């Protein structure tokens, strides 16, 4: 099994988080996939952003505030 580092972007409302995860690459048909821990990490970040809790989301990665520039 090989591990490939990747960045996943999570967008909720006016926030976006960039989270580091590792894709697990194997020879089976489900490859590549996330580990259970990384999947839970992404779920936690999404829930934190949904609730506006940027401090919790920032523990897992970089958090950005999105500003619309045109309507």
Protein backbone atom coordinates (compact mmCIF):
# COMPACT_ATOMS: atom_id res chain seq x y z
CA UNK A 1 0.00 0.00 0.00
CA UNK A 2 1.27 3.45 -0.93
CA UNK A 3 0.23 6.75 0.62
CA UNK A 4 -0.12 9.90 -1.44
CA UNK A 5 -0.41 13.25 0.32
CA UNK A 6 -3.23 15.45 -0.97
CA UNK A 7 -5.04 18.63 -0.01
CA UNK A 8 -8.83 18.50 0.18
CA UNK A 9 -10.93 21.64 0.00
CA UNK A 10 -14.04 21.84 2.18
CA UNK A 11 -16.50 24.62 1.34
CA UNK A 12 -19.34 25.52 3.72
CA UNK A 13 -21.16 28.84 3.54
CA UNK A 14 -18.67 31.72 3.47
CA UNK A 15 -15.73 29.57 4.59
CA UNK A 16 -13.29 27.27 2.86
CA UNK A 17 -10.78 24.97 4.56
CA UNK A 18 -7.70 23.37 3.02
CA UNK A 19 -7.01 20.09 4.84
CA UNK A 20 -4.03 17.75 4.39
CA UNK A 21 -4.99 14.08 3.96
CA UNK A 22 -3.35 10.93 2.63
CA UNK A 23 -4.86 8.83 -0.13
CA UNK A 24 -4.24 5.12 0.31
CA UNK A 25 -3.36 3.45 -3.00
CA UNK A 26 -3.70 -0.32 -3.30
CA UNK A 27 -4.28 -2.85 -6.06
CA UNK A 28 -7.95 -3.39 -5.29
CA UNK A 29 -10.92 -1.82 -7.06
CA UNK A 30 -11.65 0.72 -4.28
CA UNK A 31 -8.32 2.45 -4.66
CA UNK A 32 -7.49 5.27 -4.00
CA UNK A 33 -9.37 5.97 -0.79
CA UNK A 34 -9.11 7.88 2.48
CA UNK A 35 -8.33 6.34 5.83
CA UNK A 36 -11.14 6.33 8.37
CA UNK A 37 -9.29 8.93 10.44
CA UNK A 38 -8.94 11.31 7.48
CA UNK A 39 -12.61 10.85 6.57
CA UNK A 40 -13.62 11.75 10.14
CA UNK A 41 -11.24 14.71 10.05
CA UNK A 42 -12.99 16.06 6.93
CA UNK A 43 -16.39 15.51 8.57
CA UNK A 44 -15.25 17.43 11.67
CA UNK A 45 -13.98 20.33 9.57
CA UNK A 46 -17.21 20.47 7.55
CA UNK A 47 -19.33 20.47 10.72
CA UNK A 48 -17.17 23.17 12.33
CA UNK A 49 -17.42 25.41 9.26
CA UNK A 50 -21.17 24.85 9.07
CA UNK A 51 -21.44 26.08 12.69
CA UNK A 52 -19.09 29.02 12.07
CA UNK A 53 -16.46 27.56 14.43
CA UNK A 54 -13.35 28.59 12.53
CA UNK A 55 -11.07 27.94 15.52
CA UNK A 56 -11.90 24.23 15.50
CA UNK A 57 -11.60 24.02 11.73
CA UNK A 58 -8.20 25.76 11.89
CA UNK A 59 -6.84 22.90 14.04
CA UNK A 60 -7.07 20.66 10.97
CA UNK A 61 -5.90 23.01 8.22
CA UNK A 62 -5.96 26.48 6.74
CA UNK A 63 -9.29 28.34 6.84
CA UNK A 64 -10.32 31.07 4.42
CA UNK A 65 -13.23 33.48 4.43
CA UNK A 66 -14.80 33.88 1.01
CA UNK A 67 -15.94 37.30 -0.11
CA UNK A 68 -18.20 37.71 -3.14
CA UNK A 69 -16.92 40.31 -5.59
CA UNK A 70 -19.95 40.45 -7.89
CA UNK A 71 -23.65 39.74 -7.52
